[in-house]
Protein backbone atom coordinates (compact mmCIF):
# COMPACT_ATOMS: atom_id res chain seq x y z
CA MET A 1 -24.51 -13.59 -14.23
CA ARG A 2 -24.47 -9.80 -14.36
CA ASP A 3 -22.47 -8.13 -17.15
CA TRP A 4 -20.41 -5.86 -14.88
CA ARG A 5 -19.03 -3.76 -17.72
CA GLN A 6 -22.49 -2.90 -18.99
CA TYR A 7 -23.77 -2.43 -15.45
CA THR A 8 -20.86 -0.09 -14.64
CA VAL A 9 -21.35 2.03 -17.75
CA GLU A 10 -25.11 2.32 -17.25
CA THR A 11 -24.97 2.96 -13.51
CA LEU A 12 -22.32 5.66 -13.80
CA LYS A 13 -24.47 7.32 -16.44
CA ASP A 14 -27.54 7.14 -14.17
CA LEU A 15 -25.52 8.71 -11.35
CA ASP A 16 -24.17 11.38 -13.68
CA LEU A 17 -20.62 10.27 -12.89
CA TRP A 18 -17.54 9.39 -14.86
CA ALA A 19 -14.27 7.79 -13.87
CA LYS A 20 -11.91 10.53 -12.74
CA LYS A 21 -8.37 10.14 -14.02
CA SER A 22 -7.11 12.50 -11.31
CA ARG A 23 -8.26 10.00 -8.68
CA GLY A 24 -7.01 6.94 -10.56
CA GLN A 25 -10.53 5.51 -10.76
CA ASN A 26 -10.77 2.32 -12.81
CA PHE A 27 -13.77 0.15 -11.95
CA LEU A 28 -13.18 -3.60 -11.76
CA ILE A 29 -15.53 -5.47 -14.15
CA ARG A 30 -14.27 -9.08 -13.95
CA TYR A 31 -16.16 -11.10 -11.34
CA ARG A 32 -13.76 -14.02 -11.85
CA VAL A 33 -11.00 -11.84 -10.45
CA VAL A 34 -13.17 -11.03 -7.43
CA ASN A 35 -13.76 -14.73 -6.76
CA LEU A 36 -10.04 -15.46 -6.97
CA MET A 37 -9.30 -12.69 -4.47
CA ILE A 38 -11.98 -13.87 -2.05
CA ASP A 39 -10.72 -17.47 -2.26
CA ALA A 40 -7.11 -16.37 -1.68
CA ALA A 41 -8.10 -14.20 1.28
CA ASP A 42 -9.80 -17.12 3.09
CA ILE A 43 -12.28 -14.84 4.87
CA SER A 44 -14.06 -15.95 8.02
CA PRO A 45 -17.47 -14.65 9.26
CA SER A 46 -15.63 -13.42 12.37
CA ASP A 47 -13.37 -11.13 10.29
CA HIS A 48 -13.79 -7.38 10.00
CA ILE A 49 -13.02 -6.36 6.41
CA LEU A 50 -12.04 -2.85 5.36
CA GLU A 51 -12.58 -1.98 1.70
CA ILE A 52 -11.22 1.27 0.26
CA GLY A 53 -12.95 2.62 -2.83
CA GLY A 54 -16.12 0.53 -2.95
CA GLY A 55 -17.15 1.92 -6.33
CA LEU A 56 -20.33 0.21 -7.49
CA GLY A 57 -19.93 -2.78 -5.21
CA ILE A 58 -18.54 -5.62 -7.34
CA LEU A 59 -16.05 -6.56 -4.61
CA THR A 60 -18.37 -5.49 -1.78
CA ASP A 61 -21.04 -7.94 -3.01
CA ALA A 62 -18.60 -10.84 -2.73
CA LEU A 63 -17.35 -9.66 0.67
CA VAL A 64 -20.93 -9.50 1.98
CA ASP A 65 -21.47 -13.12 0.92
CA THR A 66 -18.67 -14.24 3.28
CA GLY A 67 -20.71 -13.15 6.32
CA ALA A 68 -17.89 -10.93 7.61
CA LYS A 69 -18.44 -7.44 8.96
CA ILE A 70 -17.68 -4.93 6.18
CA THR A 71 -16.56 -1.30 6.41
CA VAL A 72 -16.29 0.54 3.09
CA ILE A 73 -14.59 3.92 2.78
CA GLU A 74 -15.68 5.70 -0.41
CA LYS A 75 -14.58 9.27 -1.11
CA GLU A 76 -17.02 10.06 -3.95
CA PRO A 77 -20.29 11.26 -2.30
CA LYS A 78 -22.58 9.91 -5.03
CA LEU A 79 -20.96 6.48 -4.92
CA ALA A 80 -21.09 6.42 -1.12
CA GLU A 81 -24.80 7.24 -1.23
CA PHE A 82 -25.33 4.59 -3.92
CA LEU A 83 -23.64 1.97 -1.72
CA ARG A 84 -25.57 3.03 1.38
CA ASP A 85 -28.82 2.55 -0.49
CA LYS A 86 -27.66 -0.77 -1.95
CA TYR A 87 -26.77 -2.29 1.44
CA LYS A 88 -29.23 -0.41 3.66
CA ASP A 89 -30.93 -3.60 4.86
CA LEU A 90 -27.66 -5.28 5.94
CA GLU A 91 -26.57 -4.62 9.54
CA GLY A 92 -23.02 -5.83 9.00
CA VAL A 93 -22.15 -3.29 6.27
CA GLU A 94 -21.01 0.27 7.04
CA ILE A 95 -20.39 2.82 4.29
CA ILE A 96 -18.21 5.81 5.20
CA ASN A 97 -18.00 8.82 2.89
CA ASP A 98 -14.48 10.05 3.60
CA ASP A 99 -10.90 10.21 2.37
CA ALA A 100 -9.26 6.87 3.23
CA LEU A 101 -5.97 8.61 3.96
CA LEU A 102 -7.60 10.83 6.60
CA ALA A 103 -10.30 8.53 7.98
CA ASP A 104 -9.90 6.35 11.07
CA TRP A 105 -9.51 2.70 10.08
CA PRO A 106 -11.17 -0.04 12.15
CA LYS A 107 -8.57 -1.61 14.41
CA GLY A 108 -7.58 -5.19 13.66
CA ALA A 109 -9.38 -5.20 10.32
CA ARG A 110 -8.26 -6.96 7.15
CA LEU A 111 -7.93 -4.66 4.12
CA ILE A 112 -9.22 -6.01 0.80
CA ALA A 113 -9.46 -3.49 -1.99
CA ASN A 114 -9.02 -2.41 -5.58
CA LEU A 115 -7.07 0.73 -4.70
CA PRO A 116 -7.40 3.88 -6.77
CA TYR A 117 -4.04 4.29 -8.51
CA SER A 118 -3.61 7.85 -7.27
CA ILE A 119 -3.47 6.83 -3.58
CA SER A 120 -1.95 3.35 -3.72
CA SER A 121 1.48 4.30 -2.29
CA PRO A 122 0.19 6.42 0.62
CA VAL A 123 -2.40 3.74 1.44
CA LEU A 124 0.39 1.16 1.58
CA GLU A 125 2.32 3.39 3.97
CA LYS A 126 -0.76 3.69 6.16
CA VAL A 127 -1.23 -0.10 6.10
CA MET A 128 2.27 -0.49 7.55
CA HIS A 129 1.59 1.90 10.42
CA GLU A 130 -2.05 1.14 11.26
CA ASP A 131 -3.45 -1.72 13.33
CA ILE A 132 -4.29 -3.79 10.23
CA LYS A 133 -4.03 -7.58 10.41
CA ASP A 134 -3.25 -8.12 6.73
CA ALA A 135 -4.13 -6.77 3.31
CA MET A 136 -4.95 -7.97 -0.18
CA VAL A 137 -4.79 -5.07 -2.60
CA MET A 138 -4.96 -4.50 -6.33
CA LEU A 139 -2.29 -2.02 -7.50
CA GLN A 140 -0.67 -0.80 -10.68
CA ARG A 141 2.04 -3.31 -11.57
CA GLU A 142 5.00 -0.99 -11.01
CA VAL A 143 3.96 -0.27 -7.41
CA ALA A 144 3.38 -3.98 -6.74
CA LEU A 145 6.86 -4.77 -8.06
CA ARG A 146 8.34 -2.22 -5.67
CA CYS A 147 6.55 -3.88 -2.77
CA LEU A 148 8.00 -7.24 -3.80
CA ALA A 149 11.50 -6.00 -4.68
CA LYS A 150 14.67 -7.32 -3.05
CA PRO A 151 17.86 -5.33 -2.35
CA GLY A 152 19.88 -4.74 -5.50
CA SER A 153 16.97 -4.95 -7.93
CA SER A 154 15.94 -2.06 -10.16
CA ASP A 155 12.57 -1.85 -8.37
CA TYR A 156 14.05 -1.70 -4.86
CA SER A 157 12.92 1.59 -3.34
CA ARG A 158 11.79 3.22 -0.12
CA ILE A 159 8.38 1.49 -0.31
CA SER A 160 10.24 -1.84 -0.69
CA THR A 161 12.07 -1.26 2.58
CA LEU A 162 8.87 -0.18 4.33
CA CYS A 163 7.19 -3.43 3.29
CA ARG A 164 10.20 -5.45 4.45
CA ILE A 165 10.29 -3.79 7.87
CA HIS A 166 6.61 -4.33 8.65
CA SER A 167 5.37 -7.25 6.55
CA SER A 168 5.78 -10.18 4.19
CA VAL A 169 4.47 -9.64 0.66
CA LYS A 170 3.31 -12.22 -1.89
CA ARG A 171 2.20 -11.84 -5.50
CA ILE A 172 -1.28 -13.30 -6.06
CA MET A 173 -2.18 -12.54 -9.70
CA ASP A 174 -1.61 -10.17 -12.60
CA LEU A 175 -4.44 -8.39 -14.40
CA SER A 176 -4.69 -6.88 -17.87
CA PRO A 177 -6.31 -3.48 -18.55
CA GLU A 178 -9.37 -5.34 -19.94
CA SER A 179 -10.34 -6.19 -16.36
CA PHE A 180 -11.33 -2.56 -15.72
CA PHE A 181 -13.55 0.21 -17.01
CA PRO A 182 -12.23 2.48 -18.28
CA LYS A 183 -9.19 0.50 -19.34
CA PRO A 184 -6.05 1.91 -17.66
CA LYS A 185 -2.84 2.35 -19.63
CA VAL A 186 -0.96 0.07 -17.23
CA ASN A 187 -1.25 -3.51 -16.02
CA SER A 188 -2.29 -4.34 -12.46
CA THR A 189 -1.22 -6.87 -9.84
CA VAL A 190 -2.88 -8.23 -6.71
CA ILE A 191 -0.58 -8.72 -3.72
CA SER A 192 -1.13 -10.02 -0.21
CA ILE A 193 0.54 -8.30 2.74
CA TRP A 194 0.95 -10.08 6.08
CA LYS A 195 1.88 -7.74 8.90
CA LYS A 196 4.67 -8.67 11.32
CA GLU A 197 6.55 -7.07 14.18
CA PRO A 198 9.75 -5.34 12.97
CA THR A 199 12.89 -7.37 13.73
CA ILE A 200 15.26 -4.41 14.06
CA GLU A 201 17.43 -2.99 16.82
CA ASN A 202 16.33 0.63 16.48
CA ASP A 203 12.95 2.34 16.54
CA HIS A 204 11.15 1.84 13.23
CA GLU A 205 10.34 5.56 12.92
CA GLU A 206 14.02 6.45 13.20
CA LEU A 207 14.90 3.74 10.69
CA GLU A 208 12.28 4.99 8.24
CA LEU A 209 13.60 8.54 8.57
CA LEU A 210 17.11 7.33 7.72
CA ILE A 211 15.75 5.35 4.78
CA ARG A 212 13.95 8.44 3.48
CA ASN A 213 17.26 10.33 3.54
CA LEU A 214 19.34 7.54 2.00
CA PHE A 215 16.92 6.60 -0.76
CA SER A 216 16.71 10.19 -1.98
CA LEU A 217 20.03 9.27 -3.63
CA ARG A 218 19.56 5.52 -4.00
CA ARG A 219 22.23 4.95 -6.67
CA ARG A 220 25.09 6.55 -4.75
CA ILE A 221 27.31 4.84 -2.17
CA VAL A 222 26.64 5.13 1.54
CA ARG A 223 29.74 7.21 2.35
CA SER A 224 28.89 9.80 -0.30
CA VAL A 225 25.28 10.19 0.81
CA VAL A 226 26.05 10.33 4.54
CA ARG A 227 28.89 12.81 4.01
CA GLY A 228 26.67 14.95 1.79
CA PHE A 229 24.12 15.29 4.58
CA LEU A 230 26.63 15.78 7.41
CA LYS A 231 29.42 17.89 5.90
CA ARG A 232 27.82 21.16 7.02
CA LYS A 233 27.20 19.90 10.55
CA ASP A 234 29.68 19.79 13.42
CA VAL A 235 30.16 16.03 13.23
CA ASP A 236 33.28 13.85 13.42
CA GLU A 237 34.24 12.74 9.90
CA ASN A 238 34.37 9.17 11.22
CA ALA A 239 30.60 9.34 10.99
CA TRP A 240 31.00 8.68 7.26
CA GLU A 241 34.56 7.35 7.01
CA LYS A 242 33.90 4.48 9.42
CA CYS A 243 30.24 4.01 8.58
CA PRO A 244 29.33 0.34 8.03
CA TYR A 245 28.92 -0.58 4.35
CA ASN A 246 30.19 2.85 3.34
CA GLN A 247 31.19 1.63 -0.15
CA THR A 248 27.84 -0.07 -0.77
CA ARG A 249 25.24 1.50 -3.06
CA ILE A 250 22.09 2.49 -1.25
CA PHE A 251 19.80 0.24 -3.31
CA ASP A 252 21.92 -2.79 -2.37
CA LEU A 253 21.36 -2.38 1.38
CA SER A 254 19.24 -4.83 3.36
CA ILE A 255 17.08 -3.71 6.28
CA LYS A 256 19.59 -5.25 8.70
CA GLN A 257 22.44 -3.29 7.13
CA ILE A 258 20.53 0.00 7.25
CA ASP A 259 19.72 -0.72 10.89
CA GLU A 260 23.45 -1.18 11.58
CA ILE A 261 24.21 2.12 9.83
CA LEU A 262 21.64 3.83 12.03
CA THR A 263 23.25 2.38 15.18
CA HIS A 264 26.64 3.72 14.05
CA LEU A 265 25.30 7.21 13.26
CA LYS A 266 23.56 7.43 16.63
CA SER A 267 26.80 6.38 18.39
CA MET A 268 28.56 9.26 16.59
CA ASP A 269 25.82 11.71 17.53
CA ALA A 270 25.23 12.12 13.78
CA PHE A 271 21.53 11.30 13.55
CA PRO A 272 19.23 12.60 12.22
CA LEU A 273 21.15 13.37 9.05
CA ALA A 274 19.09 16.39 8.04
């Protein structure tokens, strides 16, 4: 079996490349991890897989073996060219040299990727709003914990609520820094994300806007935050005095409760807050 660490070091040298800290590039070098991800994803030949950050192809190789159609978005031009040459004889593999945050994603695809640390949060946001069936992504541990967090926990944040509105999230495995080259200073976690239709009363874009406002002050109580936003506007003070859960701290609120707050604010003609 190929020594992926040695292969990564030598190939990057041949390409006159190095892992860029600014892009959060850490190349996966443990093929056992790849096999575990592929097994957990249960990929069918009829699937269309989107990979972001193909790197040198350790994950792409395993995806190709499933027989599925593969689209890889790789921002680094030399790596994109390397991958194009590597898979040039395979009709079912497309390599796109582009920024994954700006590129069009294939509709109905399944995302499987070792995400560059620098774009993991915005990619997750795009997953929630794109026509993506599901995702299995490798992230820095702290971001994964936010995706998994429940109301009231120290990790519960805006990204937690976004995941809860649009998906169900499950922890698959944890990885040490030794699984990558160069070794990052943080641990990593693989999570699976299964998309679902939001079960809320209001429009999800309105709800996400309210969440963005509320979670800018996540440790304060609802009344204080709502009043702080509305006190300079011509709004009835009942907008905050009679707001549901107005003595609850923001990070303790469930999606259902935030949705109820939004309904109240709209009834008082007090939304958007800012």
